[in-house]
Amino acid sequence: MATGKFDNLLRARDRDDTANRESRRERPRAPGTGKRRDGAYKQVSAYIRKETHHQVKIALLQEEREFSELVEELLSGWLEART
């Protein structure tokens, strides 16, 4: 079989892909867990400034909270304030 100049790169990529698949298998998750599969949740999107998003991500990491939790808290508070 003839070897091309990219064969070594392709073999390295294949090794990386195999390693990535194996590392994902090491993190078992219970089936059906998570907000994506929970019918009580709806995925939404919004446009916010990049700098705001960056600062919020840092603050949430420091507090060990999820972005979804913050958005839920803020929107729920806003709704309560309206009534």
N, C-alpha and C. Protein backbone atom coordinates (compact mmCIF):
# COMPACT_ATOMS: atom_id res chain seq x y z
N MET A 1 0.84 -1.18 0.00
CA MET A 1 0.00 0.00 0.00
C MET A 1 0.89 1.24 0.00
N ALA A 2 0.57 2.17 -0.84
CA ALA A 2 1.34 3.40 -0.93
C ALA A 2 1.01 4.31 0.24
N THR A 3 1.99 5.01 0.72
CA THR A 3 1.75 5.94 1.81
C THR A 3 1.83 7.36 1.29
N GLY A 4 0.89 8.17 1.72
CA GLY A 4 0.87 9.56 1.32
C GLY A 4 1.45 10.44 2.42
N LYS A 5 1.63 11.69 2.11
CA LYS A 5 2.26 12.58 3.07
C LYS A 5 1.34 12.90 4.25
N PHE A 6 0.04 12.57 4.15
CA PHE A 6 -0.89 12.86 5.24
C PHE A 6 -1.26 11.62 6.05
N ASP A 7 -0.72 10.47 5.72
CA ASP A 7 -1.07 9.24 6.42
C ASP A 7 -0.79 9.31 7.92
N ASN A 8 0.35 9.89 8.30
CA ASN A 8 0.67 10.00 9.72
C ASN A 8 -0.34 10.89 10.45
N LEU A 9 -0.77 11.96 9.80
CA LEU A 9 -1.77 12.83 10.40
C LEU A 9 -3.10 12.11 10.57
N LEU A 10 -3.49 11.34 9.57
CA LEU A 10 -4.75 10.61 9.64
C LEU A 10 -4.71 9.55 10.74
N ARG A 11 -3.58 8.86 10.87
CA ARG A 11 -3.46 7.86 11.94
C ARG A 11 -3.52 8.52 13.31
N ALA A 12 -2.87 9.67 13.46
CA ALA A 12 -2.90 10.39 14.74
C ALA A 12 -4.33 10.85 15.06
N ARG A 13 -5.03 11.33 14.05
CA ARG A 13 -6.42 11.74 14.26
C ARG A 13 -7.28 10.57 14.69
N ASP A 14 -7.10 9.42 14.05
CA ASP A 14 -7.86 8.23 14.41
C ASP A 14 -7.58 7.80 15.84
N ARG A 15 -6.31 7.90 16.27
CA ARG A 15 -5.97 7.56 17.66
C ARG A 15 -6.65 8.53 18.62
N ASP A 16 -6.65 9.84 18.27
CA ASP A 16 -7.30 10.84 19.12
C ASP A 16 -8.80 10.59 19.20
N ASP A 17 -9.44 10.26 18.07
CA ASP A 17 -10.87 9.98 18.06
C ASP A 17 -11.19 8.79 18.96
N THR A 18 -10.37 7.74 18.89
CA THR A 18 -10.59 6.56 19.72
C THR A 18 -10.44 6.92 21.19
N ALA A 19 -9.42 7.69 21.53
CA ALA A 19 -9.20 8.10 22.92
C ALA A 19 -10.37 8.95 23.42
N ASN A 20 -10.89 9.85 22.58
CA ASN A 20 -12.02 10.68 22.98
C ASN A 20 -13.27 9.85 23.22
N ARG A 21 -13.52 8.87 22.35
CA ARG A 21 -14.68 8.00 22.54
C ARG A 21 -14.55 7.21 23.84
N GLU A 22 -13.37 6.72 24.13
CA GLU A 22 -13.16 5.94 25.34
C GLU A 22 -13.32 6.82 26.58
N SER A 23 -12.83 8.05 26.56
CA SER A 23 -12.96 8.92 27.72
C SER A 23 -14.42 9.30 27.95
N ARG A 24 -15.21 9.44 26.89
CA ARG A 24 -16.63 9.73 27.07
C ARG A 24 -17.34 8.55 27.70
N ARG A 25 -16.91 7.34 27.41
CA ARG A 25 -17.54 6.16 28.00
C ARG A 25 -17.28 6.06 29.49
N GLU A 26 -16.21 6.68 29.97
CA GLU A 26 -15.87 6.61 31.39
C GLU A 26 -16.81 7.45 32.25
N ARG A 27 -17.59 8.32 31.64
CA ARG A 27 -18.50 9.18 32.39
C ARG A 27 -19.93 8.70 32.20
N PRO A 28 -20.33 7.65 32.89
CA PRO A 28 -21.69 7.14 32.69
C PRO A 28 -22.73 8.11 33.23
N ARG A 29 -23.82 8.20 32.55
CA ARG A 29 -24.93 9.04 32.98
C ARG A 29 -26.19 8.19 32.98
N ALA A 30 -27.05 8.51 33.91
CA ALA A 30 -28.32 7.80 33.96
C ALA A 30 -29.15 8.21 32.74
N PRO A 31 -29.77 7.25 32.07
CA PRO A 31 -30.56 7.60 30.89
C PRO A 31 -31.75 8.48 31.25
N GLY A 32 -31.99 9.46 30.42
CA GLY A 32 -33.16 10.31 30.61
C GLY A 32 -32.97 11.40 31.65
N THR A 33 -31.77 11.56 32.19
CA THR A 33 -31.57 12.63 33.16
C THR A 33 -31.13 13.88 32.43
N GLY A 34 -31.43 15.00 32.99
CA GLY A 34 -31.05 16.26 32.38
C GLY A 34 -32.26 17.03 31.90
N LYS A 35 -32.06 18.31 31.76
CA LYS A 35 -33.17 19.20 31.40
C LYS A 35 -33.65 18.99 29.98
N ARG A 36 -32.75 18.58 29.09
CA ARG A 36 -33.13 18.40 27.69
C ARG A 36 -34.25 17.37 27.53
N ARG A 37 -34.23 16.34 28.32
CA ARG A 37 -35.24 15.28 28.20
C ARG A 37 -36.41 15.46 29.15
N ASP A 38 -36.33 16.48 30.00
CA ASP A 38 -37.39 16.72 30.98
C ASP A 38 -38.44 17.63 30.35
N GLY A 39 -39.66 17.13 30.25
CA GLY A 39 -40.74 17.89 29.62
C GLY A 39 -41.11 19.17 30.34
N ALA A 40 -40.66 19.34 31.58
CA ALA A 40 -40.97 20.55 32.34
C ALA A 40 -40.09 21.72 31.90
N TYR A 41 -39.08 21.46 31.08
CA TYR A 41 -38.15 22.50 30.65
C TYR A 41 -38.28 22.76 29.16
N LYS A 42 -37.98 23.99 28.76
CA LYS A 42 -38.01 24.41 27.35
C LYS A 42 -36.71 25.13 27.06
N GLN A 43 -36.02 24.75 26.00
CA GLN A 43 -34.80 25.44 25.61
C GLN A 43 -35.16 26.73 24.89
N VAL A 44 -34.51 27.81 25.29
CA VAL A 44 -34.74 29.12 24.67
C VAL A 44 -33.39 29.76 24.37
N SER A 45 -33.42 30.82 23.59
CA SER A 45 -32.18 31.54 23.32
C SER A 45 -32.45 33.03 23.42
N ALA A 46 -31.39 33.77 23.66
CA ALA A 46 -31.50 35.22 23.76
C ALA A 46 -30.17 35.82 23.34
N TYR A 47 -30.22 37.04 22.88
CA TYR A 47 -29.00 37.76 22.52
C TYR A 47 -28.60 38.66 23.68
N ILE A 48 -27.39 38.45 24.18
CA ILE A 48 -26.84 39.32 25.22
C ILE A 48 -25.44 39.73 24.77
N ARG A 49 -24.94 40.78 25.35
CA ARG A 49 -23.60 41.24 24.98
C ARG A 49 -22.55 40.21 25.37
N LYS A 50 -21.52 40.09 24.54
CA LYS A 50 -20.45 39.12 24.79
C LYS A 50 -19.80 39.33 26.14
N GLU A 51 -19.53 40.59 26.48
CA GLU A 51 -18.86 40.87 27.74
C GLU A 51 -19.73 40.48 28.93
N THR A 52 -21.04 40.73 28.83
CA THR A 52 -21.96 40.31 29.89
C THR A 52 -21.92 38.80 30.05
N HIS A 53 -21.99 38.09 28.93
CA HIS A 53 -21.97 36.63 28.97
C HIS A 53 -20.68 36.12 29.61
N HIS A 54 -19.57 36.71 29.23
CA HIS A 54 -18.27 36.31 29.76
C HIS A 54 -18.22 36.51 31.28
N GLN A 55 -18.65 37.67 31.74
CA GLN A 55 -18.63 37.96 33.18
C GLN A 55 -19.58 37.05 33.95
N VAL A 56 -20.73 36.77 33.37
CA VAL A 56 -21.70 35.88 34.02
C VAL A 56 -21.14 34.47 34.13
N LYS A 57 -20.50 33.98 33.07
CA LYS A 57 -19.91 32.64 33.12
C LYS A 57 -18.88 32.53 34.23
N ILE A 58 -18.03 33.55 34.37
CA ILE A 58 -17.01 33.54 35.42
C ILE A 58 -17.67 33.51 36.80
N ALA A 59 -18.67 34.38 37.01
CA ALA A 59 -19.35 34.44 38.30
C ALA A 59 -20.05 33.12 38.62
N LEU A 60 -20.67 32.51 37.63
CA LEU A 60 -21.37 31.24 37.85
C LEU A 60 -20.39 30.12 38.17
N LEU A 61 -19.24 30.11 37.53
CA LEU A 61 -18.23 29.11 37.85
C LEU A 61 -17.76 29.26 39.29
N GLN A 62 -17.59 30.49 39.73
CA GLN A 62 -17.16 30.73 41.10
C GLN A 62 -18.22 30.28 42.11
N GLU A 63 -19.48 30.43 41.75
CA GLU A 63 -20.57 30.02 42.63
C GLU A 63 -20.98 28.56 42.43
N GLU A 64 -20.42 27.92 41.41
CA GLU A 64 -20.78 26.54 41.04
C GLU A 64 -22.27 26.42 40.77
N ARG A 65 -22.78 27.35 39.97
CA ARG A 65 -24.18 27.35 39.56
C ARG A 65 -24.25 27.21 38.06
N GLU A 66 -25.42 26.84 37.57
CA GLU A 66 -25.65 26.71 36.14
C GLU A 66 -26.32 27.97 35.60
N PHE A 67 -26.04 28.26 34.35
CA PHE A 67 -26.65 29.41 33.68
C PHE A 67 -28.17 29.29 33.70
N SER A 68 -28.67 28.08 33.47
CA SER A 68 -30.13 27.86 33.46
C SER A 68 -30.76 28.22 34.80
N GLU A 69 -30.08 27.89 35.89
CA GLU A 69 -30.61 28.22 37.22
C GLU A 69 -30.74 29.73 37.39
N LEU A 70 -29.71 30.46 36.96
CA LEU A 70 -29.74 31.92 37.07
C LEU A 70 -30.87 32.51 36.25
N VAL A 71 -31.02 32.07 35.01
CA VAL A 71 -32.07 32.60 34.14
C VAL A 71 -33.44 32.30 34.74
N GLU A 72 -33.64 31.08 35.22
CA GLU A 72 -34.92 30.70 35.85
C GLU A 72 -35.21 31.60 37.06
N GLU A 73 -34.21 31.81 37.89
CA GLU A 73 -34.38 32.66 39.08
C GLU A 73 -34.75 34.09 38.69
N LEU A 74 -34.04 34.65 37.73
CA LEU A 74 -34.30 36.03 37.32
C LEU A 74 -35.67 36.18 36.68
N LEU A 75 -36.04 35.25 35.81
CA LEU A 75 -37.35 35.35 35.14
C LEU A 75 -38.49 35.12 36.12
N SER A 76 -38.34 34.18 37.03
CA SER A 76 -39.37 33.93 38.04
C SER A 76 -39.55 35.15 38.93
N GLY A 77 -38.46 35.77 39.33
CA GLY A 77 -38.54 36.98 40.16
C GLY A 77 -39.21 38.12 39.41
N TRP A 78 -38.91 38.25 38.14
CA TRP A 78 -39.53 39.28 37.33
C TRP A 78 -41.04 39.07 37.24
N LEU A 79 -41.44 37.80 37.03
CA LEU A 79 -42.87 37.51 36.97
C LEU A 79 -43.58 37.80 38.29
N GLU A 80 -42.96 37.44 39.40
CA GLU A 80 -43.54 37.70 40.71
C GLU A 80 -43.68 39.20 40.96
N ALA A 81 -42.72 39.98 40.51
CA ALA A 81 -42.75 41.42 40.72
C ALA A 81 -43.88 42.07 39.92
N ARG A 82 -44.31 41.43 38.85
CA ARG A 82 -45.36 41.98 38.00
C ARG A 82 -46.74 41.77 38.59
N THR A 83 -46.88 40.84 39.53
CA THR A 83 -48.22 40.55 40.07
C THR A 83 -48.47 41.20 41.39
